[in-house]
């Protein structure tokens, strides 16, 4: 390997949203820095099961609601 081409790989502390911490090795920051996570498996709706469906109706229902009366003779 070529010398002086790889970033510094050091130990940092990762702090999750619920206050738990763990040690990891990373190229982020400097040795001993604390990475504060804003989103993690303890808080993100995709992992907690609180995610709502973004699509309430399908494309056909949206079209029918918007243009349902076009071309209908009474």
PDB file of N, CA and C in Angstrom:
ATOM      1  N   UNK A   1       0.841  -1.183   0.000  1.00  0.00           N
ATOM      2  CA  UNK A   1       0.000   0.000   0.000  1.00  0.00           C
ATOM      3  C   UNK A   1       0.885   1.245   0.000  1.00  0.00           C
ATOM      4  N   UNK A   2       0.371   2.278  -0.605  1.00  0.00           N
ATOM      5  CA  UNK A   2       1.096   3.544  -0.628  1.00  0.00           C
ATOM      6  C   UNK A   2       1.024   4.209   0.750  1.00  0.00           C
ATOM      7  N   UNK A   3       2.097   4.789   1.204  1.00  0.00           N
ATOM      8  CA  UNK A   3       2.051   5.479   2.500  1.00  0.00           C
ATOM      9  C   UNK A   3       1.353   6.841   2.381  1.00  0.00           C
ATOM     10  N   UNK A   4       0.699   7.258   3.456  1.00  0.00           N
ATOM     11  CA  UNK A   4       0.067   8.586   3.572  1.00  0.00           C
ATOM     12  C   UNK A   4      -1.082   8.837   2.604  1.00  0.00           C
ATOM     13  N   UNK A   5      -1.781   7.796   2.159  1.00  0.00           N
ATOM     14  CA  UNK A   5      -2.943   8.020   1.291  1.00  0.00           C
ATOM     15  C   UNK A   5      -4.245   7.651   1.989  1.00  0.00           C
ATOM     16  N   UNK A   6      -4.173   6.930   3.087  1.00  0.00           N
ATOM     17  CA  UNK A   6      -5.380   6.507   3.784  1.00  0.00           C
ATOM     18  C   UNK A   6      -5.691   7.477   4.919  1.00  0.00           C
ATOM     19  N   UNK A   7      -6.986   7.753   5.163  1.00  0.00           N
ATOM     20  CA  UNK A   7      -7.340   8.659   6.263  1.00  0.00           C
ATOM     21  C   UNK A   7      -7.040   8.024   7.614  1.00  0.00           C
ATOM     22  N   UNK A   8      -6.939   8.854   8.630  1.00  0.00           N
ATOM     23  CA  UNK A   8      -6.681   8.406   9.990  1.00  0.00           C
ATOM     24  C   UNK A   8      -7.886   7.618  10.491  1.00  0.00           C
ATOM     25  N   UNK A   9      -7.657   6.408  10.958  1.00  0.00           N
ATOM     26  CA  UNK A   9      -8.703   5.523  11.459  1.00  0.00           C
ATOM     27  C   UNK A   9      -8.537   5.430  12.963  1.00  0.00           C
ATOM     28  N   UNK A  10      -9.483   5.971  13.720  1.00  0.00           N
ATOM     29  CA  UNK A  10      -9.332   6.108  15.165  1.00  0.00           C
ATOM     30  C   UNK A  10     -10.634   5.759  15.881  1.00  0.00           C
ATOM     31  N   UNK A  11     -10.587   5.727  17.209  1.00  0.00           N
ATOM     32  CA  UNK A  11     -11.762   5.382  18.006  1.00  0.00           C
ATOM     33  C   UNK A  11     -12.562   6.632  18.360  1.00  0.00           C
ATOM     34  N   UNK A  12     -13.906   6.545  18.174  1.00  0.00           N
ATOM     35  CA  UNK A  12     -14.819   7.630  18.553  1.00  0.00           C
ATOM     36  C   UNK A  12     -15.928   7.031  19.411  1.00  0.00           C
ATOM     37  N   UNK A  13     -16.730   7.893  20.023  1.00  0.00           N
ATOM     38  CA  UNK A  13     -17.897   7.475  20.798  1.00  0.00           C
ATOM     39  C   UNK A  13     -19.145   7.878  20.030  1.00  0.00           C
ATOM     40  N   UNK A  14     -20.081   6.937  19.890  1.00  0.00           N
ATOM     41  CA  UNK A  14     -21.345   7.212  19.220  1.00  0.00           C
ATOM     42  C   UNK A  14     -22.431   7.278  20.281  1.00  0.00           C
ATOM     43  N   UNK A  15     -23.182   8.385  20.314  1.00  0.00           N
ATOM     44  CA  UNK A  15     -24.248   8.576  21.296  1.00  0.00           C
ATOM     45  C   UNK A  15     -25.583   8.587  20.564  1.00  0.00           C
ATOM     46  N   UNK A  16     -26.491   7.680  20.940  1.00  0.00           N
ATOM     47  CA  UNK A  16     -27.790   7.567  20.282  1.00  0.00           C
ATOM     48  C   UNK A  16     -28.794   8.526  20.918  1.00  0.00           C
ATOM     49  N   UNK A  17     -29.980   8.592  20.336  1.00  0.00           N
ATOM     50  CA  UNK A  17     -30.999   9.530  20.808  1.00  0.00           C
ATOM     51  C   UNK A  17     -31.513   9.193  22.193  1.00  0.00           C
ATOM     52  N   UNK A  18     -31.414   7.929  22.595  1.00  0.00           N
ATOM     53  CA  UNK A  18     -31.886   7.558  23.931  1.00  0.00           C
ATOM     54  C   UNK A  18     -30.788   7.651  24.988  1.00  0.00           C
ATOM     55  N   UNK A  19     -29.617   8.213  24.617  1.00  0.00           N
ATOM     56  CA  UNK A  19     -28.552   8.452  25.576  1.00  0.00           C
ATOM     57  C   UNK A  19     -27.513   7.360  25.688  1.00  0.00           C
ATOM     58  N   UNK A  20     -27.725   6.225  25.034  1.00  0.00           N
ATOM     59  CA  UNK A  20     -26.755   5.139  25.093  1.00  0.00           C
ATOM     60  C   UNK A  20     -25.512   5.519  24.292  1.00  0.00           C
ATOM     61  N   UNK A  21     -24.377   5.045  24.720  1.00  0.00           N
ATOM     62  CA  UNK A  21     -23.126   5.311  24.013  1.00  0.00           C
ATOM     63  C   UNK A  21     -22.428   4.004  23.705  1.00  0.00           C
ATOM     64  N   UNK A  22     -21.618   4.029  22.658  1.00  0.00           N
ATOM     65  CA  UNK A  22     -20.785   2.882  22.325  1.00  0.00           C
ATOM     66  C   UNK A  22     -19.540   3.376  21.608  1.00  0.00           C
ATOM     67  N   UNK A  23     -18.504   2.609  21.670  1.00  0.00           N
ATOM     68  CA  UNK A  23     -17.243   2.943  21.019  1.00  0.00           C
ATOM     69  C   UNK A  23     -17.219   2.294  19.637  1.00  0.00           C
ATOM     70  N   UNK A  24     -16.630   2.990  18.688  1.00  0.00           N
ATOM     71  CA  UNK A  24     -16.473   2.468  17.340  1.00  0.00           C
ATOM     72  C   UNK A  24     -15.231   3.083  16.722  1.00  0.00           C
ATOM     73  N   UNK A  25     -14.752   2.486  15.680  1.00  0.00           N
ATOM     74  CA  UNK A  25     -13.616   3.047  14.964  1.00  0.00           C
ATOM     75  C   UNK A  25     -14.142   3.688  13.694  1.00  0.00           C
ATOM     76  N   UNK A  26     -13.594   4.859  13.336  1.00  0.00           N
ATOM     77  CA  UNK A  26     -14.112   5.625  12.215  1.00  0.00           C
ATOM     78  C   UNK A  26     -13.046   6.574  11.677  1.00  0.00           C
ATOM     79  N   UNK A  27     -13.303   7.099  10.494  1.00  0.00           N
ATOM     80  CA  UNK A  27     -12.457   8.162   9.942  1.00  0.00           C
ATOM     81  C   UNK A  27     -13.087   9.517  10.202  1.00  0.00           C
ATOM     82  N   UNK A  28     -14.277   9.548  10.828  1.00  0.00           N
ATOM     83  CA  UNK A  28     -14.997  10.786  11.121  1.00  0.00           C
ATOM     84  C   UNK A  28     -14.327  11.496  12.297  1.00  0.00           C
ATOM     85  N   UNK A  29     -14.199  12.795  12.228  1.00  0.00           N
ATOM     86  CA  UNK A  29     -13.710  13.607  13.351  1.00  0.00           C
ATOM     87  C   UNK A  29     -12.288  13.282  13.765  1.00  0.00           C
ATOM     88  N   UNK A  30     -12.036  13.510  15.054  1.00  0.00           N
ATOM     89  CA  UNK A  30     -10.718  13.242  15.634  1.00  0.00           C
ATOM     90  C   UNK A  30     -10.867  12.161  16.693  1.00  0.00           C
ATOM     91  N   UNK A  31      -9.774  11.578  17.091  1.00  0.00           N
ATOM     92  CA  UNK A  31      -9.792  10.541  18.128  1.00  0.00           C
ATOM     93  C   UNK A  31     -10.441  11.096  19.394  1.00  0.00           C
ATOM     94  N   UNK A  32     -11.409  10.351  19.937  1.00  0.00           N
ATOM     95  CA  UNK A  32     -12.080  10.758  21.164  1.00  0.00           C
ATOM     96  C   UNK A  32     -13.318  11.615  20.965  1.00  0.00           C
ATOM     97  N   UNK A  33     -13.626  12.029  19.733  1.00  0.00           N
ATOM     98  CA  UNK A  33     -14.826  12.836  19.480  1.00  0.00           C
ATOM     99  C   UNK A  33     -16.091  12.025  19.750  1.00  0.00           C
ATOM    100  N   UNK A  34     -17.203  12.732  20.017  1.00  0.00           N
ATOM    101  CA  UNK A  34     -18.495  12.099  20.246  1.00  0.00           C
ATOM    102  C   UNK A  34     -19.414  12.445  19.073  1.00  0.00           C
ATOM    103  N   UNK A  35     -19.923  11.418  18.404  1.00  0.00           N
ATOM    104  CA  UNK A  35     -20.881  11.604  17.307  1.00  0.00           C
ATOM    105  C   UNK A  35     -22.281  11.471  17.886  1.00  0.00           C
ATOM    106  N   UNK A  36     -23.056  12.558  17.863  1.00  0.00           N
ATOM    107  CA  UNK A  36     -24.428  12.563  18.382  1.00  0.00           C
ATOM    108  C   UNK A  36     -25.365  12.253  17.223  1.00  0.00           C
ATOM    109  N   UNK A  37     -26.072  11.114  17.293  1.00  0.00           N
ATOM    110  CA  UNK A  37     -26.994  10.734  16.234  1.00  0.00           C
ATOM    111  C   UNK A  37     -28.331  11.444  16.411  1.00  0.00           C
ATOM    112  N   UNK A  38     -28.890  11.924  15.314  1.00  0.00           N
ATOM    113  CA  UNK A  38     -30.217  12.539  15.344  1.00  0.00           C
ATOM    114  C   UNK A  38     -31.289  11.509  15.014  1.00  0.00           C
ATOM    115  N   UNK A  39     -30.931  10.518  14.214  1.00  0.00           N
ATOM    116  CA  UNK A  39     -31.856   9.460  13.824  1.00  0.00           C
ATOM    117  C   UNK A  39     -31.126   8.138  14.021  1.00  0.00           C
ATOM    118  N   UNK A  40     -31.784   7.213  14.706  1.00  0.00           N
ATOM    119  CA  UNK A  40     -31.225   5.884  14.905  1.00  0.00           C
ATOM    120  C   UNK A  40     -32.376   4.886  15.021  1.00  0.00           C
ATOM    121  N   UNK A  41     -32.092   3.594  15.103  1.00  0.00           N
ATOM    122  CA  UNK A  41     -33.179   2.610  15.170  1.00  0.00           C
ATOM    123  C   UNK A  41     -34.128   2.791  16.356  1.00  0.00           C
ATOM    124  N   UNK A  42     -33.703   3.474  17.406  1.00  0.00           N
ATOM    125  CA  UNK A  42     -34.577   3.685  18.558  1.00  0.00           C
ATOM    126  C   UNK A  42     -35.583   4.814  18.327  1.00  0.00           C
ATOM    127  N   UNK A  43     -35.322   5.696  17.345  1.00  0.00           N
ATOM    128  CA  UNK A  43     -36.199   6.848  17.162  1.00  0.00           C
ATOM    129  C   UNK A  43     -36.837   6.938  15.784  1.00  0.00           C
ATOM    130  N   UNK A  44     -36.336   6.237  14.796  1.00  0.00           N
ATOM    131  CA  UNK A  44     -36.849   6.378  13.438  1.00  0.00           C
ATOM    132  C   UNK A  44     -38.118   5.546  13.254  1.00  0.00           C
ATOM    133  N   UNK A  45     -39.171   6.140  12.687  1.00  0.00           N
ATOM    134  CA  UNK A  45     -40.444   5.425  12.526  1.00  0.00           C
ATOM    135  C   UNK A  45     -40.339   4.136  11.712  1.00  0.00           C
ATOM    136  N   UNK A  46     -39.395   4.060  10.795  1.00  0.00           N
ATOM    137  CA  UNK A  46     -39.258   2.853   9.989  1.00  0.00           C
ATOM    138  C   UNK A  46     -38.882   1.650  10.851  1.00  0.00           C
ATOM    139  N   UNK A  47     -38.158   1.866  11.943  1.00  0.00           N
ATOM    140  CA  UNK A  47     -37.745   0.775  12.819  1.00  0.00           C
ATOM    141  C   UNK A  47     -38.646   0.624  14.033  1.00  0.00           C
ATOM    142  N   UNK A  48     -39.326   1.681  14.444  1.00  0.00           N
ATOM    143  CA  UNK A  48     -40.157   1.597  15.640  1.00  0.00           C
ATOM    144  C   UNK A  48     -41.558   1.094  15.344  1.00  0.00           C
ATOM    145  N   UNK A  49     -41.950   1.045  14.079  1.00  0.00           N
ATOM    146  CA  UNK A  49     -43.278   0.560  13.715  1.00  0.00           C
ATOM    147  C   UNK A  49     -44.331   1.643  13.733  1.00  0.00           C
ATOM    148  N   UNK A  50     -43.947   2.906  13.897  1.00  0.00           N
ATOM    149  CA  UNK A  50     -44.902   4.004  13.924  1.00  0.00           C
ATOM    150  C   UNK A  50     -45.028   4.714  12.584  1.00  0.00           C
ATOM    151  N   UNK A  51     -44.497   4.121  11.542  1.00  0.00           N
ATOM    152  CA  UNK A  51     -44.540   4.756  10.228  1.00  0.00           C
ATOM    153  C   UNK A  51     -45.935   4.605   9.640  1.00  0.00           C
ATOM    154  N   UNK A  52     -46.507   5.696   9.216  1.00  0.00           N
ATOM    155  CA  UNK A  52     -47.793   5.652   8.547  1.00  0.00           C
ATOM    156  C   UNK A  52     -47.603   5.483   7.063  1.00  0.00           C
ATOM    157  N   UNK A  53     -48.617   5.049   6.409  1.00  0.00           N
ATOM    158  CA  UNK A  53     -48.541   4.888   4.962  1.00  0.00           C
ATOM    159  C   UNK A  53     -48.554   6.254   4.302  1.00  0.00           C
ATOM    160  N   UNK A  54     -47.623   6.475   3.402  1.00  0.00           N
ATOM    161  CA  UNK A  54     -47.577   7.754   2.712  1.00  0.00           C
ATOM    162  C   UNK A  54     -48.670   7.852   1.653  1.00  0.00           C
ATOM    163  N   UNK A  55     -49.015   6.728   1.065  1.00  0.00           N
ATOM    164  CA  UNK A  55     -50.047   6.731   0.027  1.00  0.00           C
ATOM    165  C   UNK A  55     -51.357   6.272   0.630  1.00  0.00           C
ATOM    166  N   UNK A  56     -52.292   7.189   0.742  1.00  0.00           N
ATOM    167  CA  UNK A  56     -53.595   6.837   1.295  1.00  0.00           C
ATOM    168  C   UNK A  56     -54.470   6.176   0.242  1.00  0.00           C
ATOM    169  N   UNK A  57     -54.314   6.593  -0.998  1.00  0.00           N
ATOM    170  CA  UNK A  57     -55.075   5.999  -2.097  1.00  0.00           C
ATOM    171  C   UNK A  57     -54.129   5.672  -3.231  1.00  0.00           C
ATOM    172  N   UNK A  58     -54.563   4.782  -4.088  1.00  0.00           N
ATOM    173  CA  UNK A  58     -53.769   4.420  -5.251  1.00  0.00           C
ATOM    174  C   UNK A  58     -53.946   5.435  -6.362  1.00  0.00           C
ATOM    175  N   UNK A  59     -53.191   5.253  -7.429  1.00  0.00           N
ATOM    176  CA  UNK A  59     -53.239   6.181  -8.561  1.00  0.00           C
ATOM    177  C   UNK A  59     -54.603   6.162  -9.239  1.00  0.00           C
ATOM    178  N   UNK A  60     -55.223   5.003  -9.337  1.00  0.00           N
ATOM    179  CA  UNK A  60     -56.543   4.916  -9.986  1.00  0.00           C
ATOM    180  C   UNK A  60     -57.576   5.687  -9.177  1.00  0.00           C
ATOM    181  N   UNK A  61     -57.544   5.543  -7.865  1.00  0.00           N
ATOM    182  CA  UNK A  61     -58.492   6.265  -7.020  1.00  0.00           C
ATOM    183  C   UNK A  61     -58.271   7.771  -7.095  1.00  0.00           C
ATOM    184  N   UNK A  62     -57.005   8.210  -7.145  1.00  0.00           N
ATOM    185  CA  UNK A  62     -56.718   9.632  -7.279  1.00  0.00           C
ATOM    186  C   UNK A  62     -57.275  10.179  -8.587  1.00  0.00           C
ATOM    187  N   UNK A  63     -57.088   9.428  -9.664  1.00  0.00           N
ATOM    188  CA  UNK A  63     -57.592   9.854 -10.967  1.00  0.00           C
ATOM    189  C   UNK A  63     -59.119   9.911 -10.956  1.00  0.00           C
ATOM    190  N   UNK A  64     -59.741   8.890 -10.412  1.00  0.00           N
ATOM    191  CA  UNK A  64     -61.204   8.846 -10.369  1.00  0.00           C
ATOM    192  C   UNK A  64     -61.764   9.996  -9.536  1.00  0.00           C
ATOM    193  N   UNK A  65     -61.120  10.319  -8.437  1.00  0.00           N
ATOM    194  CA  UNK A  65     -61.586  11.427  -7.604  1.00  0.00           C
ATOM    195  C   UNK A  65     -61.433  12.765  -8.309  1.00  0.00           C
ATOM    196  N   UNK A  66     -60.373  12.905  -9.076  1.00  0.00           N
ATOM    197  CA  UNK A  66     -60.092  14.181  -9.730  1.00  0.00           C
ATOM    198  C   UNK A  66     -60.895  14.363 -11.016  1.00  0.00           C
ATOM    199  N   UNK A  67     -60.999  13.298 -11.804  1.00  0.00           N
ATOM    200  CA  UNK A  67     -61.617  13.417 -13.128  1.00  0.00           C
ATOM    201  C   UNK A  67     -62.810  12.493 -13.307  1.00  0.00           C
ATOM    202  N   UNK A  68     -63.411  12.063 -12.240  1.00  0.00           N
ATOM    203  CA  UNK A  68     -64.481  11.077 -12.315  1.00  0.00           C
ATOM    204  C   UNK A  68     -65.699  11.504 -13.112  1.00  0.00           C
ATOM    205  N   UNK A  69     -66.027  12.792 -13.156  1.00  0.00           N
ATOM    206  CA  UNK A  69     -67.244  13.257 -13.826  1.00  0.00           C
ATOM    207  C   UNK A  69     -67.014  13.741 -15.252  1.00  0.00           C
ATOM    208  N   UNK A  70     -65.803  13.698 -15.737  1.00  0.00           N
ATOM    209  CA  UNK A  70     -65.528  14.159 -17.100  1.00  0.00           C
ATOM    210  C   UNK A  70     -66.086  13.153 -18.092  1.00  0.00           C
ATOM    211  N   UNK A  71     -66.839  13.633 -19.059  1.00  0.00           N
ATOM    212  CA  UNK A  71     -67.376  12.776 -20.103  1.00  0.00           C
ATOM    213  C   UNK A  71     -68.644  12.051 -19.733  1.00  0.00           C
ATOM    214  N   UNK A  72     -69.147  12.261 -18.530  1.00  0.00           N
ATOM    215  CA  UNK A  72     -70.367  11.584 -18.103  1.00  0.00           C
ATOM    216  C   UNK A  72     -71.552  12.493 -18.441  1.00  0.00           C
ATOM    217  N   UNK A  73     -72.464  11.947 -19.246  1.00  0.00           N
ATOM    218  CA  UNK A  73     -73.673  12.714 -19.620  1.00  0.00           C
ATOM    219  C   UNK A  73     -74.808  12.330 -18.703  1.00  0.00           C
ATOM    220  N   UNK A  74     -75.545  13.341 -18.290  1.00  0.00           N
ATOM    221  CA  UNK A  74     -76.668  13.090 -17.407  1.00  0.00           C
ATOM    222  C   UNK A  74     -77.959  13.426 -18.094  1.00  0.00           C
TER     223      UNK A  74
END
